[in-house]
């Protein structure tokens, strides 16, 4: 009788150990190529960072990280692809604060729940939007641009990286606070939008920090100010727009998300890998040149920021009567 009891206890212990081992095995980082989905076109601020980080993750893990650009619907096509992917760690999303905006802007068309179908993994970085104009625009400061827009209401074309991007909302907020009227011209990403500014197809653009920093060096655009509350370390000559037009403060975060159901161990693994990547001298030097501020925030910190921004941008969309898509 005592022997059977021992066998039962031993069997239960072995079964419990096997279950723990099985759960750990399921939570291991996938032993195959990993897709990093960028929901915007190539050449933009998200794409530039993604490729740099993918290379670092490749070095850390010895695995292949493939950057896969899936642009469209303001970044939601790529986000939906990730939300509906297998939750095994083999696919994750690298996106921006646009996701918080589009939770409201595309509410009628969303085929997934941004709050529950995506799992926050890592708050990678922050960057300002930079107000840039084509050299032909006769304005060399934010004050002069506002005066020009008031003199020519509805004549200035204001590009937007994508509908619902922080580039778009920065343009709307600027128009609201400066009491001017511009025409929003949407593009498929930061790279195409900057190309439109360089060729003169648009007059002005709230570009992402990395794209603006690169374009500024070519001398083919003129940059006037940043949307963050303070000057940016990489663009020290540009004033904070809010010092000229109060209330124009919009930042842009870059973050990573997994599909719902991804094991917490994998989520935390990526968060740790990103923190390691941000301490790399090559990445730090790149961020410093491009106007990007490294963050390395935890999944919990990203969740809190995401929820706060959903509320913030919903209020702006309502105030500007921006049609829901």
Foldseek 3Di string as FASTA:
>chain_A
DVVVVVVVVVVVVVVVVVVVVVVVVLQDADPAEAEEEEQFDPPAPQNVVVVLLQVLVCVVPVYHYHYDYRWDPQSVVSVVVQLPDDLRNRYKYKYKLLLLQLVQQQVVPDPDHSQAFKFFQWFWWKWWFWKKFFPVPPDQAPVRVLVVQVVPAAPAEEEAQAVSAVFVLLVLQSCVLSVGHYHYDYDRGLRVRVVCRLVPVGTITRGTQQSVLVVVVVVRMHTHATQAPADFLQCNVHGHCCVVRPPRHDMMIIGMIGTPPNDPSSSNVVLVSSVVSCVDPVNVVSCSNRRMGTDSDGSVVVSVVSVVSSVVSSVSCVVSVPHRD
